[in-house]
Amino acid sequence: MLRSALRDLRPAGRSAEPCAAATSISERFHATNSPYEDLDRCSATLRFGPADVIVDVGCGKGRSLNWLIDHFPANAIYGIELDPELCAANRQAASGGI
């Protein structure tokens, strides 16, 4: 958990649209993070060409976005999140504002 938390703290350092709020919602849903090691295992067979656009629907706190940016730096990567607060936090983190 500590390793994953430390990876969350570093700015993405790459050009990606971190999060765009799809809509405003009044109810908040609990968002949790998957450990990076689980993302590594679950995504071991993912293959994208350099022109492919990757979209993380329901990007939550942005952990999958961080993983995608690390593993596919040449691709355009977008995150979509319903919760405007999480979306704003992702945008701030991507700009190095942590």
N, C-alpha and C. Protein backbone atom coordinates (compact mmCIF):
# COMPACT_ATOMS: atom_id res chain seq x y z
N MET A 1 0.82 -1.18 0.00
CA MET A 1 0.00 0.00 0.00
C MET A 1 0.87 1.25 0.00
N LEU A 2 1.96 1.23 0.75
CA LEU A 2 2.84 2.39 0.82
C LEU A 2 3.45 2.70 -0.55
N ARG A 3 3.90 1.64 -1.25
CA ARG A 3 4.46 1.84 -2.59
C ARG A 3 3.45 2.48 -3.51
N SER A 4 2.21 2.01 -3.46
CA SER A 4 1.16 2.58 -4.31
C SER A 4 0.86 4.02 -3.93
N ALA A 5 0.81 4.31 -2.63
CA ALA A 5 0.54 5.67 -2.18
C ALA A 5 1.64 6.63 -2.62
N LEU A 6 2.89 6.21 -2.57
CA LEU A 6 3.99 7.06 -3.02
C LEU A 6 3.92 7.32 -4.52
N ARG A 7 3.53 6.32 -5.30
CA ARG A 7 3.38 6.52 -6.75
C ARG A 7 2.26 7.50 -7.05
N ASP A 8 1.22 7.53 -6.20
CA ASP A 8 0.11 8.46 -6.40
C ASP A 8 0.55 9.91 -6.23
N LEU A 9 1.55 10.15 -5.41
CA LEU A 9 1.96 11.51 -5.08
C LEU A 9 2.76 12.20 -6.16
N ARG A 10 3.36 11.46 -7.06
CA ARG A 10 4.18 12.10 -8.07
C ARG A 10 3.30 12.60 -9.22
N PRO A 11 3.63 13.76 -9.78
CA PRO A 11 2.85 14.26 -10.92
C PRO A 11 3.08 13.39 -12.14
N ALA A 12 2.09 13.36 -13.01
CA ALA A 12 2.17 12.51 -14.20
C ALA A 12 3.37 12.87 -15.06
N GLY A 13 3.64 14.15 -15.25
CA GLY A 13 4.80 14.57 -16.01
C GLY A 13 4.66 14.35 -17.51
N ARG A 14 3.51 13.99 -17.96
CA ARG A 14 3.28 13.78 -19.38
C ARG A 14 2.03 14.52 -19.79
N SER A 15 1.88 14.67 -21.08
CA SER A 15 0.71 15.37 -21.59
C SER A 15 -0.46 14.41 -21.70
N ALA A 16 -1.44 14.61 -20.88
CA ALA A 16 -2.67 13.80 -20.93
C ALA A 16 -3.78 14.64 -20.34
N GLU A 17 -4.98 14.46 -20.84
CA GLU A 17 -6.15 15.12 -20.27
C GLU A 17 -6.59 14.27 -19.10
N PRO A 18 -6.32 14.68 -17.87
CA PRO A 18 -6.51 13.79 -16.72
C PRO A 18 -7.95 13.45 -16.40
N CYS A 19 -8.86 14.39 -16.59
CA CYS A 19 -10.21 14.09 -16.16
C CYS A 19 -11.15 15.17 -16.67
N ALA A 20 -12.26 14.77 -17.22
CA ALA A 20 -13.29 15.71 -17.64
C ALA A 20 -14.60 15.27 -17.01
N ALA A 21 -15.22 16.13 -16.23
CA ALA A 21 -16.47 15.77 -15.57
C ALA A 21 -17.57 15.58 -16.60
N ALA A 22 -18.20 14.44 -16.56
CA ALA A 22 -19.26 14.14 -17.52
C ALA A 22 -20.53 14.88 -17.16
N THR A 23 -20.79 15.05 -15.88
CA THR A 23 -22.00 15.71 -15.42
C THR A 23 -21.83 16.06 -13.95
N SER A 24 -22.65 16.93 -13.45
CA SER A 24 -22.62 17.25 -12.03
C SER A 24 -23.57 16.31 -11.31
N ILE A 25 -23.15 15.76 -10.20
CA ILE A 25 -24.02 14.87 -9.44
C ILE A 25 -24.10 15.34 -8.00
N SER A 26 -25.24 15.14 -7.39
CA SER A 26 -25.40 15.57 -6.00
C SER A 26 -24.99 14.48 -5.03
N GLU A 27 -25.15 13.23 -5.42
CA GLU A 27 -24.75 12.14 -4.55
C GLU A 27 -23.29 11.81 -4.78
N ARG A 28 -22.58 11.46 -3.72
CA ARG A 28 -21.19 11.06 -3.81
C ARG A 28 -21.10 9.55 -3.66
N PHE A 29 -20.26 8.96 -4.47
CA PHE A 29 -20.01 7.53 -4.40
C PHE A 29 -18.62 7.31 -3.85
N HIS A 30 -18.46 6.26 -3.09
CA HIS A 30 -17.15 5.96 -2.52
C HIS A 30 -16.23 5.45 -3.62
N ALA A 31 -15.09 6.09 -3.77
CA ALA A 31 -14.09 5.67 -4.77
C ALA A 31 -12.92 5.04 -4.05
N THR A 32 -12.49 3.89 -4.52
CA THR A 32 -11.32 3.22 -3.94
C THR A 32 -10.27 3.01 -5.02
N ASN A 33 -9.04 2.81 -4.59
CA ASN A 33 -7.93 2.57 -5.51
C ASN A 33 -7.59 1.09 -5.56
N SER A 34 -7.22 0.65 -6.75
CA SER A 34 -6.65 -0.70 -6.89
C SER A 34 -5.15 -0.59 -6.70
N PRO A 35 -4.53 -1.58 -6.07
CA PRO A 35 -3.07 -1.54 -5.97
C PRO A 35 -2.44 -1.59 -7.36
N TYR A 36 -1.33 -0.88 -7.54
CA TYR A 36 -0.65 -0.88 -8.84
C TYR A 36 -0.27 -2.29 -9.26
N GLU A 37 0.10 -3.14 -8.31
CA GLU A 37 0.47 -4.52 -8.63
C GLU A 37 -0.71 -5.26 -9.27
N ASP A 38 -1.94 -4.99 -8.79
CA ASP A 38 -3.12 -5.61 -9.40
C ASP A 38 -3.33 -5.09 -10.81
N LEU A 39 -3.12 -3.79 -11.01
CA LEU A 39 -3.24 -3.24 -12.36
C LEU A 39 -2.21 -3.88 -13.29
N ASP A 40 -1.00 -4.09 -12.80
CA ASP A 40 0.03 -4.76 -13.61
C ASP A 40 -0.43 -6.15 -14.03
N ARG A 41 -0.97 -6.91 -13.08
CA ARG A 41 -1.41 -8.28 -13.38
C ARG A 41 -2.61 -8.30 -14.33
N CYS A 42 -3.60 -7.46 -14.05
CA CYS A 42 -4.83 -7.46 -14.85
C CYS A 42 -4.62 -6.93 -16.26
N SER A 43 -3.62 -6.10 -16.43
CA SER A 43 -3.43 -5.42 -17.71
C SER A 43 -2.21 -5.91 -18.47
N ALA A 44 -1.67 -7.05 -18.08
CA ALA A 44 -0.43 -7.56 -18.68
C ALA A 44 -0.55 -7.79 -20.18
N THR A 45 -1.75 -8.06 -20.67
CA THR A 45 -1.89 -8.37 -22.09
C THR A 45 -2.41 -7.20 -22.93
N LEU A 46 -2.57 -6.03 -22.31
CA LEU A 46 -3.04 -4.87 -23.08
C LEU A 46 -2.01 -4.45 -24.11
N ARG A 47 -2.46 -4.18 -25.30
CA ARG A 47 -1.58 -3.70 -26.37
C ARG A 47 -2.31 -2.56 -27.09
N PHE A 48 -1.64 -1.44 -27.23
CA PHE A 48 -2.20 -0.31 -27.94
C PHE A 48 -1.18 0.17 -28.96
N GLY A 49 -1.68 0.57 -30.14
CA GLY A 49 -0.82 1.20 -31.12
C GLY A 49 -0.60 2.65 -30.74
N PRO A 50 0.44 3.29 -31.29
CA PRO A 50 0.76 4.67 -30.90
C PRO A 50 -0.34 5.67 -31.25
N ALA A 51 -1.21 5.35 -32.19
CA ALA A 51 -2.28 6.27 -32.57
C ALA A 51 -3.58 6.00 -31.80
N ASP A 52 -3.61 4.96 -30.97
CA ASP A 52 -4.82 4.63 -30.22
C ASP A 52 -5.06 5.65 -29.11
N VAL A 53 -6.33 5.98 -28.90
CA VAL A 53 -6.74 6.86 -27.81
C VAL A 53 -7.29 5.98 -26.70
N ILE A 54 -6.84 6.22 -25.47
CA ILE A 54 -7.25 5.41 -24.33
C ILE A 54 -8.15 6.27 -23.44
N VAL A 55 -9.30 5.71 -23.05
CA VAL A 55 -10.25 6.42 -22.20
C VAL A 55 -10.53 5.58 -20.96
N ASP A 56 -10.33 6.18 -19.80
CA ASP A 56 -10.64 5.54 -18.52
C ASP A 56 -11.97 6.10 -18.04
N VAL A 57 -13.04 5.34 -18.22
CA VAL A 57 -14.37 5.77 -17.81
C VAL A 57 -14.56 5.41 -16.35
N GLY A 58 -14.85 6.43 -15.55
CA GLY A 58 -14.95 6.24 -14.11
C GLY A 58 -13.57 6.23 -13.48
N CYS A 59 -12.77 7.24 -13.82
CA CYS A 59 -11.35 7.24 -13.41
C CYS A 59 -11.15 7.45 -11.91
N GLY A 60 -12.20 7.79 -11.18
CA GLY A 60 -12.10 7.89 -9.73
C GLY A 60 -10.99 8.81 -9.28
N LYS A 61 -10.09 8.28 -8.46
CA LYS A 61 -8.99 9.07 -7.91
C LYS A 61 -7.79 9.13 -8.83
N GLY A 62 -7.84 8.45 -9.97
CA GLY A 62 -6.81 8.59 -10.99
C GLY A 62 -5.71 7.55 -11.00
N ARG A 63 -5.82 6.52 -10.19
CA ARG A 63 -4.75 5.53 -10.16
C ARG A 63 -4.59 4.82 -11.50
N SER A 64 -5.68 4.41 -12.12
CA SER A 64 -5.56 3.75 -13.42
C SER A 64 -5.00 4.71 -14.47
N LEU A 65 -5.36 5.99 -14.37
CA LEU A 65 -4.78 6.98 -15.29
C LEU A 65 -3.26 7.04 -15.13
N ASN A 66 -2.79 7.06 -13.89
CA ASN A 66 -1.34 7.07 -13.64
C ASN A 66 -0.70 5.84 -14.26
N TRP A 67 -1.32 4.69 -14.06
CA TRP A 67 -0.77 3.45 -14.60
C TRP A 67 -0.73 3.50 -16.13
N LEU A 68 -1.81 3.96 -16.74
CA LEU A 68 -1.86 4.04 -18.20
C LEU A 68 -0.81 5.00 -18.74
N ILE A 69 -0.65 6.15 -18.10
CA ILE A 69 0.34 7.14 -18.54
C ILE A 69 1.74 6.55 -18.45
N ASP A 70 2.01 5.80 -17.38
CA ASP A 70 3.32 5.17 -17.23
C ASP A 70 3.59 4.13 -18.31
N HIS A 71 2.58 3.37 -18.67
CA HIS A 71 2.78 2.24 -19.59
C HIS A 71 2.55 2.57 -21.06
N PHE A 72 1.84 3.64 -21.34
CA PHE A 72 1.54 4.01 -22.74
C PHE A 72 1.79 5.50 -22.94
N PRO A 73 3.05 5.95 -22.79
CA PRO A 73 3.35 7.38 -22.82
C PRO A 73 3.10 8.05 -24.18
N ALA A 74 3.06 7.28 -25.26
CA ALA A 74 2.87 7.86 -26.58
C ALA A 74 1.39 8.10 -26.91
N ASN A 75 0.50 7.53 -26.12
CA ASN A 75 -0.92 7.60 -26.43
C ASN A 75 -1.61 8.81 -25.81
N ALA A 76 -2.68 9.25 -26.46
CA ALA A 76 -3.58 10.24 -25.85
C ALA A 76 -4.43 9.47 -24.84
N ILE A 77 -4.47 9.98 -23.60
CA ILE A 77 -5.18 9.29 -22.53
C ILE A 77 -6.13 10.27 -21.87
N TYR A 78 -7.40 9.87 -21.73
CA TYR A 78 -8.43 10.72 -21.14
C TYR A 78 -9.09 9.98 -20.00
N GLY A 79 -9.48 10.73 -18.97
CA GLY A 79 -10.24 10.18 -17.87
C GLY A 79 -11.59 10.87 -17.79
N ILE A 80 -12.63 10.10 -17.53
CA ILE A 80 -13.98 10.64 -17.36
C ILE A 80 -14.46 10.23 -15.98
N GLU A 81 -14.90 11.21 -15.20
CA GLU A 81 -15.35 10.95 -13.84
C GLU A 81 -16.59 11.78 -13.56
N LEU A 82 -17.61 11.16 -12.96
CA LEU A 82 -18.85 11.87 -12.63
C LEU A 82 -18.69 12.82 -11.45
N ASP A 83 -17.84 12.47 -10.51
CA ASP A 83 -17.69 13.28 -9.31
C ASP A 83 -16.78 14.47 -9.60
N PRO A 84 -17.33 15.69 -9.60
CA PRO A 84 -16.53 16.87 -9.95
C PRO A 84 -15.35 17.11 -9.00
N GLU A 85 -15.48 16.72 -7.74
CA GLU A 85 -14.37 16.91 -6.80
C GLU A 85 -13.20 15.99 -7.14
N LEU A 86 -13.50 14.73 -7.44
CA LEU A 86 -12.43 13.81 -7.85
C LEU A 86 -11.82 14.26 -9.16
N CYS A 87 -12.66 14.72 -10.07
CA CYS A 87 -12.17 15.20 -11.36
C CYS A 87 -11.22 16.38 -11.16
N ALA A 88 -11.59 17.32 -10.31
CA ALA A 88 -10.73 18.49 -10.05
C ALA A 88 -9.42 18.06 -9.41
N ALA A 89 -9.47 17.09 -8.50
CA ALA A 89 -8.25 16.61 -7.85
C ALA A 89 -7.33 15.95 -8.87
N ASN A 90 -7.89 15.18 -9.80
CA ASN A 90 -7.09 14.55 -10.85
C ASN A 90 -6.43 15.60 -11.74
N ARG A 91 -7.19 16.60 -12.10
CA ARG A 91 -6.65 17.66 -12.96
C ARG A 91 -5.51 18.38 -12.24
N GLN A 92 -5.68 18.68 -10.96
CA GLN A 92 -4.63 19.36 -10.19
C GLN A 92 -3.38 18.48 -10.07
N ALA A 93 -3.58 17.20 -9.81
CA ALA A 93 -2.44 16.28 -9.68
C ALA A 93 -1.67 16.18 -10.99
N ALA A 94 -2.38 16.12 -12.10
CA ALA A 94 -1.73 15.99 -13.42
C ALA A 94 -0.92 17.24 -13.77
N SER A 95 -1.32 18.37 -13.22
CA SER A 95 -0.59 19.60 -13.50
C SER A 95 0.55 19.82 -12.51
N GLY A 96 0.78 18.83 -11.64
CA GLY A 96 1.86 18.93 -10.68
C GLY A 96 1.50 19.72 -9.44
N GLY A 97 0.20 19.89 -9.18
CA GLY A 97 -0.24 20.70 -8.07
C GLY A 97 -0.43 19.99 -6.76
N ILE A 98 0.14 18.80 -6.61
CA ILE A 98 -0.01 18.07 -5.34
C ILE A 98 0.93 18.66 -4.32
